[in-house]
Amino acid sequence: MLGQIGLPVTTVGIALALLRLASLGSVGLAAMADRLGRRRPLLAVAVLGFGLTSLAALSPGFWWYVALVALARPCLAALNAVAGLVAAEESRSVDRAGAIALITAA
């Protein structure tokens, strides 16, 4: 498969490591939900994450793509965490397990 994209395995490995490392930024973004409330940070990380991912689709080269996805990754990871939290907080206790399962499956 790597032969099809025309990049050395080392280059792809470095890019994947950078993307994994970028996920650490989600901790700070998710913590904003405790300080600012749930709605504003949830909407902000959703718009920013989806916008950066859309720009990555139009990237002119591999490293542009990696950079844009690395910027989007913390936003989308924080979105996932805060969405699960909102599902748990806003659902009735009877429906809570189903709501969390639905968010997790999505």
N, C-alpha and C. Protein backbone atom coordinates (compact mmCIF):
# COMPACT_ATOMS: atom_id res chain seq x y z
N MET A 1 0.82 -1.20 0.00
CA MET A 1 0.00 0.00 0.00
C MET A 1 0.86 1.26 0.00
N LEU A 2 1.93 1.27 0.79
CA LEU A 2 2.76 2.46 0.86
C LEU A 2 3.45 2.74 -0.47
N GLY A 3 3.68 1.71 -1.25
CA GLY A 3 4.26 1.92 -2.56
C GLY A 3 3.33 2.70 -3.48
N GLN A 4 2.05 2.60 -3.24
CA GLN A 4 1.06 3.30 -4.07
C GLN A 4 1.07 4.80 -3.84
N ILE A 5 1.40 5.25 -2.64
CA ILE A 5 1.39 6.70 -2.40
C ILE A 5 2.74 7.33 -2.68
N GLY A 6 3.75 6.53 -2.93
CA GLY A 6 5.04 7.05 -3.34
C GLY A 6 5.85 7.71 -2.24
N LEU A 7 5.66 7.29 -1.00
CA LEU A 7 6.40 7.85 0.12
C LEU A 7 7.13 6.73 0.86
N PRO A 8 8.30 7.03 1.39
CA PRO A 8 9.00 6.01 2.19
C PRO A 8 8.22 5.70 3.47
N VAL A 9 8.42 4.51 3.97
CA VAL A 9 7.74 4.07 5.19
C VAL A 9 8.10 4.99 6.36
N THR A 10 9.33 5.44 6.42
CA THR A 10 9.78 6.32 7.50
C THR A 10 9.01 7.64 7.49
N THR A 11 8.79 8.18 6.31
CA THR A 11 8.04 9.45 6.19
C THR A 11 6.61 9.27 6.68
N VAL A 12 5.98 8.20 6.29
CA VAL A 12 4.61 7.94 6.73
C VAL A 12 4.58 7.71 8.24
N GLY A 13 5.57 7.02 8.77
CA GLY A 13 5.64 6.78 10.21
C GLY A 13 5.79 8.07 11.00
N ILE A 14 6.62 8.98 10.51
CA ILE A 14 6.79 10.28 11.18
C ILE A 14 5.49 11.08 11.12
N ALA A 15 4.82 11.05 9.99
CA ALA A 15 3.56 11.77 9.86
C ALA A 15 2.51 11.22 10.81
N LEU A 16 2.42 9.90 10.92
CA LEU A 16 1.45 9.30 11.83
C LEU A 16 1.79 9.61 13.29
N ALA A 17 3.07 9.63 13.61
CA ALA A 17 3.47 9.98 14.98
C ALA A 17 3.09 11.42 15.31
N LEU A 18 3.27 12.33 14.36
CA LEU A 18 2.87 13.72 14.57
C LEU A 18 1.36 13.85 14.79
N LEU A 19 0.60 13.08 14.05
CA LEU A 19 -0.85 13.13 14.21
C LEU A 19 -1.27 12.60 15.57
N ARG A 20 -0.62 11.54 16.04
CA ARG A 20 -0.93 11.01 17.37
C ARG A 20 -0.55 12.02 18.45
N LEU A 21 0.60 12.63 18.29
CA LEU A 21 1.07 13.62 19.26
C LEU A 21 0.15 14.84 19.32
N ALA A 22 -0.41 15.21 18.18
CA ALA A 22 -1.30 16.37 18.12
C ALA A 22 -2.57 16.16 18.94
N SER A 23 -2.94 14.91 19.16
CA SER A 23 -4.15 14.63 19.94
C SER A 23 -4.04 15.10 21.39
N LEU A 24 -2.84 15.30 21.88
CA LEU A 24 -2.68 15.77 23.25
C LEU A 24 -3.27 17.16 23.47
N GLY A 25 -3.38 17.92 22.40
CA GLY A 25 -3.98 19.25 22.50
C GLY A 25 -5.45 19.22 22.87
N SER A 26 -6.08 18.07 22.72
CA SER A 26 -7.51 17.98 23.03
C SER A 26 -7.77 18.12 24.53
N VAL A 27 -6.80 17.82 25.35
CA VAL A 27 -6.99 17.92 26.80
C VAL A 27 -7.30 19.36 27.20
N GLY A 28 -6.53 20.29 26.69
CA GLY A 28 -6.77 21.70 26.99
C GLY A 28 -8.07 22.22 26.41
N LEU A 29 -8.38 21.76 25.19
CA LEU A 29 -9.62 22.21 24.56
C LEU A 29 -10.84 21.66 25.29
N ALA A 30 -10.77 20.42 25.72
CA ALA A 30 -11.89 19.84 26.46
C ALA A 30 -12.04 20.48 27.84
N ALA A 31 -10.93 20.91 28.43
CA ALA A 31 -10.99 21.57 29.74
C ALA A 31 -11.70 22.91 29.65
N MET A 32 -11.69 23.53 28.47
CA MET A 32 -12.41 24.80 28.30
C MET A 32 -13.90 24.62 28.56
N ALA A 33 -14.40 23.42 28.32
CA ALA A 33 -15.83 23.17 28.54
C ALA A 33 -16.20 23.28 30.01
N ASP A 34 -15.24 23.06 30.90
CA ASP A 34 -15.51 23.23 32.33
C ASP A 34 -15.52 24.70 32.73
N ARG A 35 -14.70 25.49 32.08
CA ARG A 35 -14.60 26.90 32.44
C ARG A 35 -15.63 27.77 31.74
N LEU A 36 -15.93 27.47 30.49
CA LEU A 36 -16.79 28.36 29.69
C LEU A 36 -18.20 27.82 29.48
N GLY A 37 -18.50 26.67 30.02
CA GLY A 37 -19.78 26.04 29.74
C GLY A 37 -19.59 25.05 28.61
N ARG A 38 -20.61 24.32 28.27
CA ARG A 38 -20.48 23.25 27.27
C ARG A 38 -20.73 23.73 25.84
N ARG A 39 -21.70 24.59 25.65
CA ARG A 39 -22.16 24.94 24.31
C ARG A 39 -21.11 25.65 23.45
N ARG A 40 -20.54 26.73 23.95
CA ARG A 40 -19.59 27.50 23.14
C ARG A 40 -18.34 26.71 22.76
N PRO A 41 -17.69 26.02 23.69
CA PRO A 41 -16.53 25.21 23.28
C PRO A 41 -16.91 24.08 22.33
N LEU A 42 -18.08 23.48 22.53
CA LEU A 42 -18.52 22.39 21.65
C LEU A 42 -18.68 22.90 20.22
N LEU A 43 -19.34 24.02 20.06
CA LEU A 43 -19.53 24.59 18.73
C LEU A 43 -18.21 25.07 18.13
N ALA A 44 -17.35 25.66 18.95
CA ALA A 44 -16.08 26.17 18.45
C ALA A 44 -15.19 25.06 17.93
N VAL A 45 -15.04 23.98 18.71
CA VAL A 45 -14.17 22.90 18.25
C VAL A 45 -14.77 22.15 17.07
N ALA A 46 -16.09 22.11 16.99
CA ALA A 46 -16.73 21.47 15.84
C ALA A 46 -16.45 22.26 14.55
N VAL A 47 -16.68 23.55 14.60
CA VAL A 47 -16.46 24.38 13.41
C VAL A 47 -14.99 24.39 13.02
N LEU A 48 -14.11 24.56 13.99
CA LEU A 48 -12.68 24.60 13.69
C LEU A 48 -12.17 23.24 13.18
N GLY A 49 -12.57 22.18 13.83
CA GLY A 49 -12.12 20.84 13.42
C GLY A 49 -12.62 20.46 12.04
N PHE A 50 -13.90 20.69 11.78
CA PHE A 50 -14.44 20.35 10.46
C PHE A 50 -13.90 21.26 9.37
N GLY A 51 -13.68 22.53 9.72
CA GLY A 51 -13.12 23.47 8.74
C GLY A 51 -11.69 23.09 8.35
N LEU A 52 -10.87 22.76 9.34
CA LEU A 52 -9.49 22.37 9.05
C LEU A 52 -9.43 21.05 8.29
N THR A 53 -10.33 20.14 8.61
CA THR A 53 -10.37 18.87 7.87
C THR A 53 -10.78 19.11 6.42
N SER A 54 -11.69 20.03 6.19
CA SER A 54 -12.09 20.36 4.83
C SER A 54 -10.93 21.00 4.06
N LEU A 55 -10.19 21.86 4.73
CA LEU A 55 -9.02 22.46 4.09
C LEU A 55 -7.95 21.40 3.79
N ALA A 56 -7.84 20.41 4.65
CA ALA A 56 -6.86 19.34 4.41
C ALA A 56 -7.17 18.58 3.14
N ALA A 57 -8.44 18.46 2.82
CA ALA A 57 -8.82 17.76 1.59
C ALA A 57 -8.34 18.51 0.35
N LEU A 58 -8.13 19.81 0.49
CA LEU A 58 -7.67 20.62 -0.64
C LEU A 58 -6.17 20.90 -0.59
N SER A 59 -5.45 20.25 0.30
CA SER A 59 -4.03 20.56 0.50
C SER A 59 -3.20 20.23 -0.74
N PRO A 60 -2.20 21.06 -1.02
CA PRO A 60 -1.39 20.87 -2.22
C PRO A 60 -0.34 19.77 -2.12
N GLY A 61 -0.03 19.32 -0.91
CA GLY A 61 0.99 18.30 -0.77
C GLY A 61 0.82 17.51 0.51
N PHE A 62 1.64 16.50 0.66
CA PHE A 62 1.53 15.59 1.79
C PHE A 62 1.73 16.30 3.12
N TRP A 63 2.78 17.12 3.24
CA TRP A 63 3.06 17.76 4.53
C TRP A 63 2.04 18.83 4.86
N TRP A 64 1.46 19.49 3.88
CA TRP A 64 0.34 20.41 4.13
C TRP A 64 -0.83 19.63 4.71
N TYR A 65 -1.09 18.48 4.12
CA TYR A 65 -2.17 17.63 4.61
C TYR A 65 -1.93 17.22 6.06
N VAL A 66 -0.73 16.76 6.35
CA VAL A 66 -0.39 16.33 7.71
C VAL A 66 -0.54 17.50 8.68
N ALA A 67 -0.07 18.68 8.32
CA ALA A 67 -0.17 19.85 9.19
C ALA A 67 -1.62 20.22 9.47
N LEU A 68 -2.44 20.23 8.45
CA LEU A 68 -3.84 20.61 8.65
C LEU A 68 -4.61 19.57 9.46
N VAL A 69 -4.34 18.30 9.21
CA VAL A 69 -5.00 17.26 10.00
C VAL A 69 -4.49 17.29 11.44
N ALA A 70 -3.20 17.59 11.63
CA ALA A 70 -2.66 17.70 12.98
C ALA A 70 -3.29 18.86 13.74
N LEU A 71 -3.64 19.92 13.06
CA LEU A 71 -4.34 21.04 13.71
C LEU A 71 -5.80 20.69 13.99
N ALA A 72 -6.40 19.91 13.13
CA ALA A 72 -7.81 19.53 13.30
C ALA A 72 -7.99 18.45 14.35
N ARG A 73 -7.00 17.61 14.51
CA ARG A 73 -7.12 16.44 15.38
C ARG A 73 -7.48 16.78 16.82
N PRO A 74 -6.82 17.75 17.47
CA PRO A 74 -7.21 18.08 18.86
C PRO A 74 -8.65 18.58 18.95
N CYS A 75 -9.07 19.34 17.96
CA CYS A 75 -10.44 19.86 17.97
C CYS A 75 -11.46 18.72 17.89
N LEU A 76 -11.20 17.77 17.02
CA LEU A 76 -12.15 16.67 16.84
C LEU A 76 -12.13 15.71 18.02
N ALA A 77 -10.97 15.51 18.63
CA ALA A 77 -10.91 14.67 19.83
C ALA A 77 -11.64 15.34 21.00
N ALA A 78 -11.47 16.65 21.13
CA ALA A 78 -12.19 17.39 22.18
C ALA A 78 -13.69 17.37 21.90
N LEU A 79 -14.07 17.48 20.64
CA LEU A 79 -15.49 17.40 20.27
C LEU A 79 -16.07 16.07 20.71
N ASN A 80 -15.35 15.01 20.48
CA ASN A 80 -15.81 13.68 20.87
C ASN A 80 -15.98 13.58 22.38
N ALA A 81 -15.03 14.09 23.13
CA ALA A 81 -15.10 14.03 24.59
C ALA A 81 -16.24 14.87 25.14
N VAL A 82 -16.37 16.09 24.65
CA VAL A 82 -17.41 16.99 25.17
C VAL A 82 -18.80 16.52 24.73
N ALA A 83 -18.91 15.95 23.54
CA ALA A 83 -20.21 15.44 23.09
C ALA A 83 -20.69 14.30 23.99
N GLY A 84 -19.78 13.44 24.39
CA GLY A 84 -20.14 12.37 25.32
C GLY A 84 -20.56 12.92 26.67
N LEU A 85 -19.89 13.95 27.11
CA LEU A 85 -20.23 14.59 28.38
C LEU A 85 -21.61 15.24 28.32
N VAL A 86 -21.88 15.93 27.23
CA VAL A 86 -23.19 16.57 27.07
C VAL A 86 -24.29 15.52 27.00
N ALA A 87 -24.03 14.42 26.30
CA ALA A 87 -25.02 13.34 26.22
C ALA A 87 -25.33 12.78 27.60
N ALA A 88 -24.30 12.65 28.43
CA ALA A 88 -24.51 12.13 29.78
C ALA A 88 -25.26 13.13 30.65
N GLU A 89 -24.95 14.40 30.50
CA GLU A 89 -25.57 15.41 31.36
C GLU A 89 -27.01 15.73 30.96
N GLU A 90 -27.30 15.70 29.69
CA GLU A 90 -28.61 16.15 29.23
C GLU A 90 -29.66 15.04 29.13
N SER A 91 -29.27 13.81 29.32
CA SER A 91 -30.25 12.73 29.21
C SER A 91 -30.77 12.33 30.59
N ARG A 92 -31.95 11.74 30.59
CA ARG A 92 -32.51 11.24 31.84
C ARG A 92 -31.70 10.04 32.30
N SER A 93 -31.74 9.75 33.57
CA SER A 93 -30.94 8.65 34.10
C SER A 93 -31.33 7.31 33.48
N VAL A 94 -32.58 7.17 33.08
CA VAL A 94 -33.05 5.93 32.45
C VAL A 94 -32.43 5.78 31.05
N ASP A 95 -32.27 6.89 30.35
CA ASP A 95 -31.78 6.87 28.98
C ASP A 95 -30.28 7.14 28.86
N ARG A 96 -29.60 7.37 29.96
CA ARG A 96 -28.21 7.81 29.92
C ARG A 96 -27.28 6.80 29.23
N ALA A 97 -27.43 5.54 29.55
CA ALA A 97 -26.54 4.52 28.94
C ALA A 97 -26.72 4.48 27.42
N GLY A 98 -27.97 4.57 26.98
CA GLY A 98 -28.23 4.57 25.53
C GLY A 98 -27.68 5.79 24.84
N ALA A 99 -27.78 6.95 25.48
CA ALA A 99 -27.26 8.19 24.89
C ALA A 99 -25.75 8.15 24.77
N ILE A 100 -25.09 7.69 25.82
CA ILE A 100 -23.63 7.59 25.78
C ILE A 100 -23.19 6.55 24.76
N ALA A 101 -23.90 5.45 24.66
CA ALA A 101 -23.57 4.42 23.67
C ALA A 101 -23.73 4.95 22.25
N LEU A 102 -24.76 5.72 22.02
CA LEU A 102 -24.99 6.29 20.69
C LEU A 102 -23.87 7.26 20.30
N ILE A 103 -23.46 8.13 21.21
CA ILE A 103 -22.38 9.06 20.94
C ILE A 103 -21.07 8.30 20.72
N THR A 104 -20.82 7.30 21.54
CA THR A 104 -19.59 6.51 21.42
C THR A 104 -19.56 5.76 20.09
N ALA A 105 -20.67 5.20 19.68
CA ALA A 105 -20.72 4.47 18.42
C ALA A 105 -20.56 5.39 17.22
N ALA A 106 -21.06 6.60 17.35
CA ALA A 106 -20.94 7.56 16.24
C ALA A 106 -19.52 8.00 16.11
